[in-house]
Amino acid sequence: MVSDPRFSDAVVLAARMVEHTSQAEKLDALRNAVLNSVGPDAPDADTQAIFMNLVDRFTPSHLRLLALWDNPRSWFASHDIPELQAGFASSRTVTVEVGLPEMAGRQQFYVLVWSEIKAAGLTIGADLGGLVSPTSLMDKLTSDLGSQFLKFISSPS
């Protein structure tokens, strides 16, 4: 493992990034990325470099919002939040504000965060505003690349 250049690159990149963050969620993501850098499903070196730079650039809010939309039902269940039971068309902003209570009432903020995640190619292109069917409130909105990024920064266990 230590002789694998992907591992060495991940360690060097993570070490540089650790110097300028104290945010626990980002530190966990960097640790997990290093551990996952040589796993059986590890992305190629270029993809890993891009993912490491995204961890550096993104805030914990970016990481949580992306994780929410990778599997909203699982997110709600793991956080003991009852699943949304909307009877009429609604906006995905409801999903955000219920699933991430710290973002309630901060729509401009999380729409900006989402636009940055979207610009990185980690979503299917869906917006959070506008009306959608009740079942769409819990649809996965991450792209395959977004899911791969989350897997890369998640605990390898």
C-alpha atoms as a PDB file:
ATOM      1  CA  MET A   1       0.000   0.000   0.000  1.00  0.00           C
ATOM      2  CA  VAL A   2       2.714   2.509   0.938  1.00  0.00           C
ATOM      3  CA  SER A   3       4.506   1.871  -2.342  1.00  0.00           C
ATOM      4  CA  ASP A   4       1.387   2.709  -4.373  1.00  0.00           C
ATOM      5  CA  PRO A   5       1.846   6.212  -5.841  1.00  0.00           C
ATOM      6  CA  ARG A   6      -1.879   6.956  -5.364  1.00  0.00           C
ATOM      7  CA  PHE A   7      -1.436   6.493  -1.612  1.00  0.00           C
ATOM      8  CA  SER A   8       1.656   8.725  -1.533  1.00  0.00           C
ATOM      9  CA  ASP A   9      -0.132  11.401  -3.552  1.00  0.00           C
ATOM     10  CA  ALA A  10      -3.174  11.234  -1.258  1.00  0.00           C
ATOM     11  CA  VAL A  11      -1.025  11.546   1.874  1.00  0.00           C
ATOM     12  CA  VAL A  12       0.869  14.551   0.486  1.00  0.00           C
ATOM     13  CA  LEU A  13      -2.310  16.321  -0.668  1.00  0.00           C
ATOM     14  CA  ALA A  14      -4.124  15.619   2.593  1.00  0.00           C
ATOM     15  CA  ALA A  15      -1.164  16.829   4.656  1.00  0.00           C
ATOM     16  CA  ARG A  16      -1.171  20.145   2.780  1.00  0.00           C
ATOM     17  CA  MET A  17      -4.907  20.559   3.255  1.00  0.00           C
ATOM     18  CA  VAL A  18      -4.879  19.675   6.961  1.00  0.00           C
ATOM     19  CA  GLU A  19      -2.628  22.671   7.568  1.00  0.00           C
ATOM     20  CA  HIS A  20      -5.440  25.105   6.821  1.00  0.00           C
ATOM     21  CA  THR A  21      -8.572  23.529   8.265  1.00  0.00           C
ATOM     22  CA  SER A  22      -9.768  22.627  11.720  1.00  0.00           C
ATOM     23  CA  GLN A  23     -13.207  21.451  10.610  1.00  0.00           C
ATOM     24  CA  ALA A  24     -13.765  17.911  11.861  1.00  0.00           C
ATOM     25  CA  GLU A  25     -15.935  16.888   8.897  1.00  0.00           C
ATOM     26  CA  LYS A  26     -13.261  17.926   6.417  1.00  0.00           C
ATOM     27  CA  LEU A  27     -10.531  16.237   8.434  1.00  0.00           C
ATOM     28  CA  ASP A  28     -12.584  13.028   8.511  1.00  0.00           C
ATOM     29  CA  ALA A  29     -13.151  13.279   4.753  1.00  0.00           C
ATOM     30  CA  LEU A  30      -9.409  13.706   4.146  1.00  0.00           C
ATOM     31  CA  ARG A  31      -8.530  10.760   6.407  1.00  0.00           C
ATOM     32  CA  ASN A  32     -11.079   8.585   4.652  1.00  0.00           C
ATOM     33  CA  ALA A  33      -9.835   9.674   1.239  1.00  0.00           C
ATOM     34  CA  VAL A  34      -6.286   8.635   2.126  1.00  0.00           C
ATOM     35  CA  LEU A  35      -7.517   5.271   3.398  1.00  0.00           C
ATOM     36  CA  ASN A  36      -9.656   4.770   0.288  1.00  0.00           C
ATOM     37  CA  SER A  37      -6.961   5.893  -2.135  1.00  0.00           C
ATOM     38  CA  VAL A  38      -5.713   2.338  -2.665  1.00  0.00           C
ATOM     39  CA  GLY A  39      -8.891   0.381  -1.997  1.00  0.00           C
ATOM     40  CA  PRO A  40     -10.212  -2.131  -4.501  1.00  0.00           C
ATOM     41  CA  ASP A  41     -12.666   0.416  -5.939  1.00  0.00           C
ATOM     42  CA  ALA A  42     -10.305   3.386  -5.695  1.00  0.00           C
ATOM     43  CA  PRO A  43     -10.635   5.961  -8.460  1.00  0.00           C
ATOM     44  CA  ASP A  44      -7.709   6.592 -10.806  1.00  0.00           C
ATOM     45  CA  ALA A  45      -5.035   9.097  -9.776  1.00  0.00           C
ATOM     46  CA  ASP A  46      -6.510  12.028 -11.723  1.00  0.00           C
ATOM     47  CA  THR A  47      -9.979  11.508 -10.251  1.00  0.00           C
ATOM     48  CA  GLN A  48      -8.483  11.239  -6.766  1.00  0.00           C
ATOM     49  CA  ALA A  49      -6.639  14.536  -7.220  1.00  0.00           C
ATOM     50  CA  ILE A  50      -9.868  16.227  -8.308  1.00  0.00           C
ATOM     51  CA  PHE A  51     -11.761  14.728  -5.345  1.00  0.00           C
ATOM     52  CA  MET A  52      -9.081  15.844  -2.886  1.00  0.00           C
ATOM     53  CA  ASN A  53      -9.281  19.386  -4.273  1.00  0.00           C
ATOM     54  CA  LEU A  54     -13.060  19.316  -3.857  1.00  0.00           C
ATOM     55  CA  VAL A  55     -12.671  18.361  -0.190  1.00  0.00           C
ATOM     56  CA  ASP A  56     -10.298  21.289   0.191  1.00  0.00           C
ATOM     57  CA  ARG A  57     -12.651  23.707  -1.578  1.00  0.00           C
ATOM     58  CA  PHE A  58     -15.974  22.543  -0.144  1.00  0.00           C
ATOM     59  CA  THR A  59     -17.308  23.365   3.297  1.00  0.00           C
ATOM     60  CA  PRO A  60     -18.920  20.839   5.635  1.00  0.00           C
ATOM     61  CA  SER A  61     -22.259  22.255   4.430  1.00  0.00           C
ATOM     62  CA  HIS A  62     -21.366  21.192   0.881  1.00  0.00           C
ATOM     63  CA  LEU A  63     -20.506  17.691   2.060  1.00  0.00           C
ATOM     64  CA  ARG A  64     -23.715  17.327   4.118  1.00  0.00           C
ATOM     65  CA  LEU A  65     -25.951  18.691   1.357  1.00  0.00           C
ATOM     66  CA  LEU A  66     -24.408  16.341  -1.196  1.00  0.00           C
ATOM     67  CA  ALA A  67     -24.743  13.385   1.183  1.00  0.00           C
ATOM     68  CA  LEU A  68     -28.408  14.236   1.813  1.00  0.00           C
ATOM     69  CA  TRP A  69     -29.189  14.178  -1.908  1.00  0.00           C
ATOM     70  CA  ASP A  70     -27.229  10.987  -2.569  1.00  0.00           C
ATOM     71  CA  ASN A  71     -29.913   9.023  -0.731  1.00  0.00           C
ATOM     72  CA  PRO A  72     -32.514  11.195   1.016  1.00  0.00           C
ATOM     73  CA  ARG A  73     -34.454   8.266   2.452  1.00  0.00           C
ATOM     74  CA  SER A  74     -31.338   6.810   4.041  1.00  0.00           C
ATOM     75  CA  TRP A  75     -30.280  10.261   5.298  1.00  0.00           C
ATOM     76  CA  PHE A  76     -33.642  10.835   6.965  1.00  0.00           C
ATOM     77  CA  ALA A  77     -33.643   7.335   8.496  1.00  0.00           C
ATOM     78  CA  SER A  78     -30.078   7.597   9.822  1.00  0.00           C
ATOM     79  CA  HIS A  79     -30.864  10.966  11.414  1.00  0.00           C
ATOM     80  CA  ASP A  80     -34.189   9.793  12.905  1.00  0.00           C
ATOM     81  CA  ILE A  81     -36.177  12.264  10.815  1.00  0.00           C
ATOM     82  CA  PRO A  82     -39.598  11.131   9.612  1.00  0.00           C
ATOM     83  CA  GLU A  83     -39.772  10.906   5.827  1.00  0.00           C
ATOM     84  CA  LEU A  84     -41.633  13.728   4.104  1.00  0.00           C
ATOM     85  CA  GLN A  85     -45.285  12.985   3.431  1.00  0.00           C
ATOM     86  CA  ALA A  86     -46.279  15.897   1.210  1.00  0.00           C
ATOM     87  CA  GLY A  87     -49.693  15.572  -0.372  1.00  0.00           C
ATOM     88  CA  PHE A  88     -49.214  18.174  -3.077  1.00  0.00           C
ATOM     89  CA  ALA A  89     -46.443  19.439  -5.281  1.00  0.00           C
ATOM     90  CA  SER A  90     -43.740  21.075  -3.226  1.00  0.00           C
ATOM     91  CA  SER A  91     -40.194  22.355  -3.513  1.00  0.00           C
ATOM     92  CA  ARG A  92     -37.032  20.386  -2.774  1.00  0.00           C
ATOM     93  CA  THR A  93     -36.151  23.201  -0.393  1.00  0.00           C
ATOM     94  CA  VAL A  94     -38.500  21.431   2.048  1.00  0.00           C
ATOM     95  CA  THR A  95     -36.280  18.334   1.907  1.00  0.00           C
ATOM     96  CA  VAL A  96     -33.211  20.443   2.637  1.00  0.00           C
ATOM     97  CA  GLU A  97     -34.750  22.369   5.518  1.00  0.00           C
ATOM     98  CA  VAL A  98     -36.187  19.259   7.174  1.00  0.00           C
ATOM     99  CA  GLY A  99     -33.176  17.021   6.491  1.00  0.00           C
ATOM    100  CA  LEU A 100     -30.611  19.661   7.450  1.00  0.00           C
ATOM    101  CA  PRO A 101     -32.307  21.770  10.162  1.00  0.00           C
ATOM    102  CA  GLU A 102     -29.247  24.022  10.460  1.00  0.00           C
ATOM    103  CA  MET A 103     -30.098  25.277   6.952  1.00  0.00           C
ATOM    104  CA  ALA A 104     -33.744  26.110   7.713  1.00  0.00           C
ATOM    105  CA  GLY A 105     -34.518  29.675   6.710  1.00  0.00           C
ATOM    106  CA  ARG A 106     -31.193  29.989   4.819  1.00  0.00           C
ATOM    107  CA  GLN A 107     -32.397  29.284   1.295  1.00  0.00           C
ATOM    108  CA  GLN A 108     -30.032  31.728  -0.415  1.00  0.00           C
ATOM    109  CA  PHE A 109     -27.111  30.045   1.330  1.00  0.00           C
ATOM    110  CA  TYR A 110     -27.947  26.441   0.499  1.00  0.00           C
ATOM    111  CA  VAL A 111     -29.002  27.264  -3.073  1.00  0.00           C
ATOM    112  CA  LEU A 112     -25.552  28.830  -3.531  1.00  0.00           C
ATOM    113  CA  VAL A 113     -23.900  25.757  -1.992  1.00  0.00           C
ATOM    114  CA  TRP A 114     -25.955  23.517  -4.294  1.00  0.00           C
ATOM    115  CA  SER A 115     -24.956  25.577  -7.343  1.00  0.00           C
ATOM    116  CA  GLU A 116     -21.281  25.036  -6.471  1.00  0.00           C
ATOM    117  CA  ILE A 117     -21.849  21.285  -6.058  1.00  0.00           C
ATOM    118  CA  LYS A 118     -23.717  21.280  -9.364  1.00  0.00           C
ATOM    119  CA  ALA A 119     -20.919  23.208 -11.111  1.00  0.00           C
ATOM    120  CA  ALA A 120     -18.476  20.506  -9.974  1.00  0.00           C
ATOM    121  CA  GLY A 121     -20.538  17.924 -11.889  1.00  0.00           C
ATOM    122  CA  LEU A 122     -21.643  16.027  -8.798  1.00  0.00           C
ATOM    123  CA  THR A 123     -25.409  16.306  -9.452  1.00  0.00           C
ATOM    124  CA  ILE A 124     -27.794  15.250 -12.178  1.00  0.00           C
ATOM    125  CA  GLY A 125     -28.436  18.932 -12.828  1.00  0.00           C
ATOM    126  CA  ALA A 126     -31.636  19.290 -10.811  1.00  0.00           C
ATOM    127  CA  ASP A 127     -32.414  22.527  -9.025  1.00  0.00           C
ATOM    128  CA  LEU A 128     -33.723  22.783  -5.483  1.00  0.00           C
ATOM    129  CA  GLY A 129     -36.363  25.409  -6.240  1.00  0.00           C
ATOM    130  CA  GLY A 130     -39.546  25.014  -8.243  1.00  0.00           C
ATOM    131  CA  LEU A 131     -42.412  22.641  -7.716  1.00  0.00           C
ATOM    132  CA  VAL A 132     -41.958  18.874  -7.937  1.00  0.00           C
ATOM    133  CA  SER A 133     -44.230  15.929  -7.223  1.00  0.00           C
ATOM    134  CA  PRO A 134     -44.345  14.672  -3.623  1.00  0.00           C
ATOM    135  CA  THR A 135     -42.375  11.544  -4.527  1.00  0.00           C
ATOM    136  CA  SER A 136     -39.621  13.667  -6.119  1.00  0.00           C
ATOM    137  CA  LEU A 137     -38.875  15.255  -2.745  1.00  0.00           C
ATOM    138  CA  MET A 138     -36.892  12.143  -1.819  1.00  0.00           C
ATOM    139  CA  ASP A 139     -35.256  11.360  -5.191  1.00  0.00           C
ATOM    140  CA  LYS A 140     -31.502  10.918  -5.507  1.00  0.00           C
ATOM    141  CA  LEU A 141     -29.981  13.995  -7.166  1.00  0.00           C
ATOM    142  CA  THR A 142     -26.305  13.069  -7.230  1.00  0.00           C
ATOM    143  CA  SER A 143     -24.588  11.978 -10.420  1.00  0.00           C
ATOM    144  CA  ASP A 144     -22.508   8.820 -10.580  1.00  0.00           C
ATOM    145  CA  LEU A 145     -19.458  11.043 -10.061  1.00  0.00           C
ATOM    146  CA  GLY A 146     -21.105  12.585  -6.980  1.00  0.00           C
ATOM    147  CA  SER A 147     -21.767   9.147  -5.508  1.00  0.00           C
ATOM    148  CA  GLN A 148     -18.194   8.105  -6.296  1.00  0.00           C
ATOM    149  CA  PHE A 149     -16.899  11.235  -4.541  1.00  0.00           C
ATOM    150  CA  LEU A 150     -18.968  10.515  -1.430  1.00  0.00           C
ATOM    151  CA  LYS A 151     -17.779   6.917  -1.357  1.00  0.00           C
ATOM    152  CA  PHE A 152     -14.161   8.120  -1.641  1.00  0.00           C
ATOM    153  CA  ILE A 153     -14.510  10.435   1.381  1.00  0.00           C
ATOM    154  CA  SER A 154     -16.588   8.040   3.483  1.00  0.00           C
ATOM    155  CA  SER A 155     -15.306   5.638   6.108  1.00  0.00           C
ATOM    156  CA  PRO A 156     -13.942   2.527   4.379  1.00  0.00           C
ATOM    157  CA  SER A 157     -15.620   0.217   6.899  1.00  0.00           C
END
